[in-house]
C-alpha atoms as a PDB file:
ATOM      1  CA  MET A   1       0.010  -0.029   0.017  1.00  0.00           C
ATOM      2  CA  ASN A   2       2.966   2.386   0.689  1.00  0.00           C
ATOM      3  CA  GLU A   3       4.002   2.043  -2.943  1.00  0.00           C
ATOM      4  CA  LEU A   4       0.611   3.323  -4.134  1.00  0.00           C
ATOM      5  CA  LYS A   5       0.696   6.179  -1.655  1.00  0.00           C
ATOM      6  CA  ASP A   6       4.207   7.108  -2.722  1.00  0.00           C
ATOM      7  CA  ARG A   7       3.245   6.976  -6.400  1.00  0.00           C
ATOM      8  CA  ASP A   8       0.211   9.218  -5.774  1.00  0.00           C
ATOM      9  CA  GLU A   9       2.331  11.713  -3.798  1.00  0.00           C
ATOM     10  CA  LEU A  10       4.928  11.769  -6.555  1.00  0.00           C
ATOM     11  CA  SER A  11       2.309  12.220  -9.203  1.00  0.00           C
ATOM     12  CA  SER A  12       0.764  15.138  -7.224  1.00  0.00           C
ATOM     13  CA  ALA A  13       4.176  16.723  -6.712  1.00  0.00           C
ATOM     14  CA  CYS A  14       4.956  16.427 -10.397  1.00  0.00           C
ATOM     15  CA  ASP A  15       1.692  18.133 -11.304  1.00  0.00           C
ATOM     16  CA  GLY A  16       2.516  20.963  -8.895  1.00  0.00           C
ATOM     17  CA  LEU A  17       6.029  21.268 -10.411  1.00  0.00           C
ATOM     18  CA  ASN A  18       4.573  21.392 -13.925  1.00  0.00           C
ATOM     19  CA  SER A  19       2.004  23.937 -12.965  1.00  0.00           C
ATOM     20  CA  LEU A  20       4.664  26.186 -11.565  1.00  0.00           C
ATOM     21  CA  TRP A  21       6.746  25.867 -14.675  1.00  0.00           C
ATOM     22  CA  LYS A  22       3.719  26.905 -16.771  1.00  0.00           C
ATOM     23  CA  GLU A  23       3.157  29.895 -14.522  1.00  0.00           C
ATOM     24  CA  LEU A  24       6.763  30.956 -14.770  1.00  0.00           C
ATOM     25  CA  GLU A  25       6.636  30.697 -18.642  1.00  0.00           C
ATOM     26  CA  THR A  26       3.566  32.949 -18.596  1.00  0.00           C
ATOM     27  CA  GLU A  27       5.396  35.490 -16.468  1.00  0.00           C
ATOM     28  CA  PHE A  28       8.580  35.306 -18.553  1.00  0.00           C
ATOM     29  CA  ALA A  29       6.528  35.901 -21.769  1.00  0.00           C
ATOM     30  CA  ARG A  30       4.875  38.940 -20.119  1.00  0.00           C
ATOM     31  CA  ILE A  31       8.168  40.431 -18.997  1.00  0.00           C
ATOM     32  CA  TYR A  32      10.883  39.279 -21.423  1.00  0.00           C
ATOM     33  CA  MET A  33       9.118  38.674 -24.746  1.00  0.00           C
ATOM     34  CA  TRP A  34      11.840  38.819 -27.400  1.00  0.00           C
ATOM     35  CA  PHE A  35      15.114  38.154 -25.714  1.00  0.00           C
ATOM     36  CA  PRO A  36      16.395  34.720 -26.747  1.00  0.00           C
ATOM     37  CA  THR A  37      19.234  33.570 -24.543  1.00  0.00           C
ATOM     38  CA  GLN A  38      20.651  30.679 -22.637  1.00  0.00           C
ATOM     39  CA  ILE A  39      22.896  29.876 -19.666  1.00  0.00           C
ATOM     40  CA  LYS A  40      25.032  26.784 -18.901  1.00  0.00           C
ATOM     41  CA  MET A  41      23.653  24.513 -16.299  1.00  0.00           C
ATOM     42  CA  GLY A  42      26.913  23.749 -14.497  1.00  0.00           C
ATOM     43  CA  ASP A  43      28.111  20.256 -15.186  1.00  0.00           C
ATOM     44  CA  VAL A  44      24.905  19.171 -16.838  1.00  0.00           C
ATOM     45  CA  PRO A  45      25.436  18.633 -20.615  1.00  0.00           C
ATOM     46  CA  ALA A  46      22.547  21.032 -21.460  1.00  0.00           C
ATOM     47  CA  SER A  47      21.767  24.745 -21.290  1.00  0.00           C
ATOM     48  CA  LEU A  48      18.678  26.491 -19.864  1.00  0.00           C
ATOM     49  CA  GLY A  49      17.290  28.997 -22.188  1.00  0.00           C
ATOM     50  CA  TRP A  50      14.370  31.305 -23.248  1.00  0.00           C
ATOM     51  CA  HIS A  51      13.647  30.561 -26.877  1.00  0.00           C
ATOM     52  CA  LYS A  52      10.844  30.713 -29.432  1.00  0.00           C
ATOM     53  CA  VAL A  53       9.803  27.102 -30.200  1.00  0.00           C
ATOM     54  CA  LYS A  54       6.895  26.344 -32.635  1.00  0.00           C
ATOM     55  CA  GLY A  55       5.815  30.005 -32.495  1.00  0.00           C
ATOM     56  CA  GLU A  56       5.774  30.408 -28.743  1.00  0.00           C
ATOM     57  CA  TRP A  57       8.402  31.812 -26.315  1.00  0.00           C
ATOM     58  CA  ARG A  58       9.259  28.920 -23.883  1.00  0.00           C
ATOM     59  CA  ILE A  59      11.676  28.091 -21.138  1.00  0.00           C
ATOM     60  CA  CYS A  60      13.727  25.391 -22.808  1.00  0.00           C
ATOM     61  CA  LEU A  61      16.590  22.943 -22.314  1.00  0.00           C
ATOM     62  CA  GLY A  62      19.033  22.885 -25.257  1.00  0.00           C
ATOM     63  CA  LYS A  63      21.895  20.805 -26.345  1.00  0.00           C
ATOM     64  CA  HIS A  64      24.161  20.912 -29.317  1.00  0.00           C
ATOM     65  CA  GLY A  65      22.571  19.103 -32.239  1.00  0.00           C
ATOM     66  CA  GLU A  66      24.125  16.376 -34.191  1.00  0.00           C
ATOM     67  CA  ILE A  67      24.437  18.506 -37.345  1.00  0.00           C
ATOM     68  CA  GLY A  68      25.475  21.624 -35.406  1.00  0.00           C
ATOM     69  CA  GLY A  69      23.515  24.431 -33.979  1.00  0.00           C
ATOM     70  CA  TRP A  70      21.235  23.889 -30.975  1.00  0.00           C
ATOM     71  CA  ASP A  71      18.213  21.668 -30.348  1.00  0.00           C
ATOM     72  CA  TRP A  72      15.790  23.436 -27.939  1.00  0.00           C
ATOM     73  CA  ARG A  73      13.010  21.528 -26.192  1.00  0.00           C
ATOM     74  CA  PRO A  74      10.410  23.207 -23.942  1.00  0.00           C
ATOM     75  CA  ILE A  75      11.111  22.384 -20.296  1.00  0.00           C
ATOM     76  CA  LEU A  76       7.718  20.811 -19.867  1.00  0.00           C
ATOM     77  CA  GLU A  77       8.488  18.344 -22.550  1.00  0.00           C
ATOM     78  CA  CYS A  78      11.802  17.284 -20.833  1.00  0.00           C
ATOM     79  CA  PRO A  79      12.190  14.413 -18.421  1.00  0.00           C
ATOM     80  CA  LEU A  80      11.306  15.060 -14.831  1.00  0.00           C
ATOM     81  CA  GLU A  81      14.928  14.779 -13.685  1.00  0.00           C
ATOM     82  CA  MET A  82      15.913  17.600 -15.986  1.00  0.00           C
ATOM     83  CA  ARG A  83      12.969  19.809 -14.958  1.00  0.00           C
ATOM     84  CA  VAL A  84      14.041  19.325 -11.316  1.00  0.00           C
ATOM     85  CA  GLN A  85      17.745  20.044 -12.057  1.00  0.00           C
ATOM     86  CA  ALA A  86      16.870  23.173 -14.038  1.00  0.00           C
ATOM     87  CA  VAL A  87      15.080  24.859 -11.041  1.00  0.00           C
ATOM     88  CA  VAL A  88      18.318  25.936  -9.463  1.00  0.00           C
ATOM     89  CA  HIS A  89      19.370  27.735 -12.614  1.00  0.00           C
ATOM     90  CA  ILE A  90      16.228  29.809 -13.235  1.00  0.00           C
ATOM     91  CA  SER A  91      17.590  32.772 -11.214  1.00  0.00           C
ATOM     92  CA  ALA A  92      20.661  32.881 -13.403  1.00  0.00           C
ATOM     93  CA  LEU A  93      18.561  32.839 -16.458  1.00  0.00           C
ATOM     94  CA  ARG A  94      16.328  35.597 -15.166  1.00  0.00           C
ATOM     95  CA  LYS A  95      19.412  37.718 -14.386  1.00  0.00           C
ATOM     96  CA  GLU A  96      20.660  37.291 -17.864  1.00  0.00           C
ATOM     97  CA  LEU A  97      17.333  38.246 -19.370  1.00  0.00           C
ATOM     98  CA  ASP A  98      17.144  41.374 -17.144  1.00  0.00           C
ATOM     99  CA  ARG A  99      20.649  42.298 -18.382  1.00  0.00           C
ATOM    100  CA  LEU A 100      19.639  41.905 -21.980  1.00  0.00           C
ATOM    101  CA  ARG A 101      16.404  43.914 -21.500  1.00  0.00           C
ATOM    102  CA  ARG A 102      18.406  46.825 -19.930  1.00  0.00           C
ATOM    103  CA  GLU A 103      21.014  46.805 -22.681  1.00  0.00           C
ATOM    104  CA  PHE A 104      18.453  46.457 -25.549  1.00  0.00           C
ATOM    105  CA  LEU A 105      16.107  49.315 -24.614  1.00  0.00           C
ATOM    106  CA  PRO A 106      18.466  52.141 -25.427  1.00  0.00           C
ATOM    107  CA  LEU A 107      19.200  50.490 -28.751  1.00  0.00           C
ATOM    108  CA  VAL A 108      15.509  50.330 -29.628  1.00  0.00           C
ATOM    109  CA  ARG A 109      15.078  53.895 -28.679  1.00  0.00           C
ATOM    110  CA  GLU A 110      17.926  54.995 -30.820  1.00  0.00           C
ATOM    111  CA  ALA A 111      16.563  52.994 -33.782  1.00  0.00           C
ATOM    112  CA  ILE A 112      13.277  54.837 -33.392  1.00  0.00           C
ATOM    113  CA  ARG A 113      14.874  58.171 -33.391  1.00  0.00           C
ATOM    114  CA  SER A 114      16.774  57.184 -36.503  1.00  0.00           C
ATOM    115  CA  LEU A 115      13.812  56.017 -38.331  1.00  0.00           C
ATOM    116  CA  ARG A 116      11.837  59.089 -37.477  1.00  0.00           C
ATOM    117  CA  GLY A 117      14.668  61.242 -38.741  1.00  0.00           C
ATOM    118  CA  ILE A 118      14.705  59.380 -42.064  1.00  0.00           C
ATOM    119  CA  LEU A 119      10.952  59.624 -42.387  1.00  0.00           C
ATOM    120  CA  GLU A 120      11.067  63.419 -41.619  1.00  0.00           C
ATOM    121  CA  ASP A 121      13.771  63.819 -44.353  1.00  0.00           C
ATOM    122  CA  LEU A 122      11.544  62.042 -46.883  1.00  0.00           C
ATOM    123  CA  GLN A 123       8.651  64.324 -46.281  1.00  0.00           C
END
């Protein structure tokens, strides 16, 4: 009977973990939108990232593909062990996304000024 209880507790815990990952992805999409990036996960042979996969921005695990480049897989489609290991790296991913957002905003503002100037010259 303990095996069934343990299985039910693990299943419930996994559901809770998945729910929190979904909530985190929703918040990341609201805050970070278009800043693809990744961080190394220590000794784990994968990286944690924020990437657009199948048209949606997702928290992903990535590894070097066989042909080169990166293969990104949404965290919720990864094995439970990897979802658990990734949790300790979320703060570092968030810090990197915050850094990118701060650096990118002045570049966007300058691009807007430049395009407005070009449009004014054309009129």
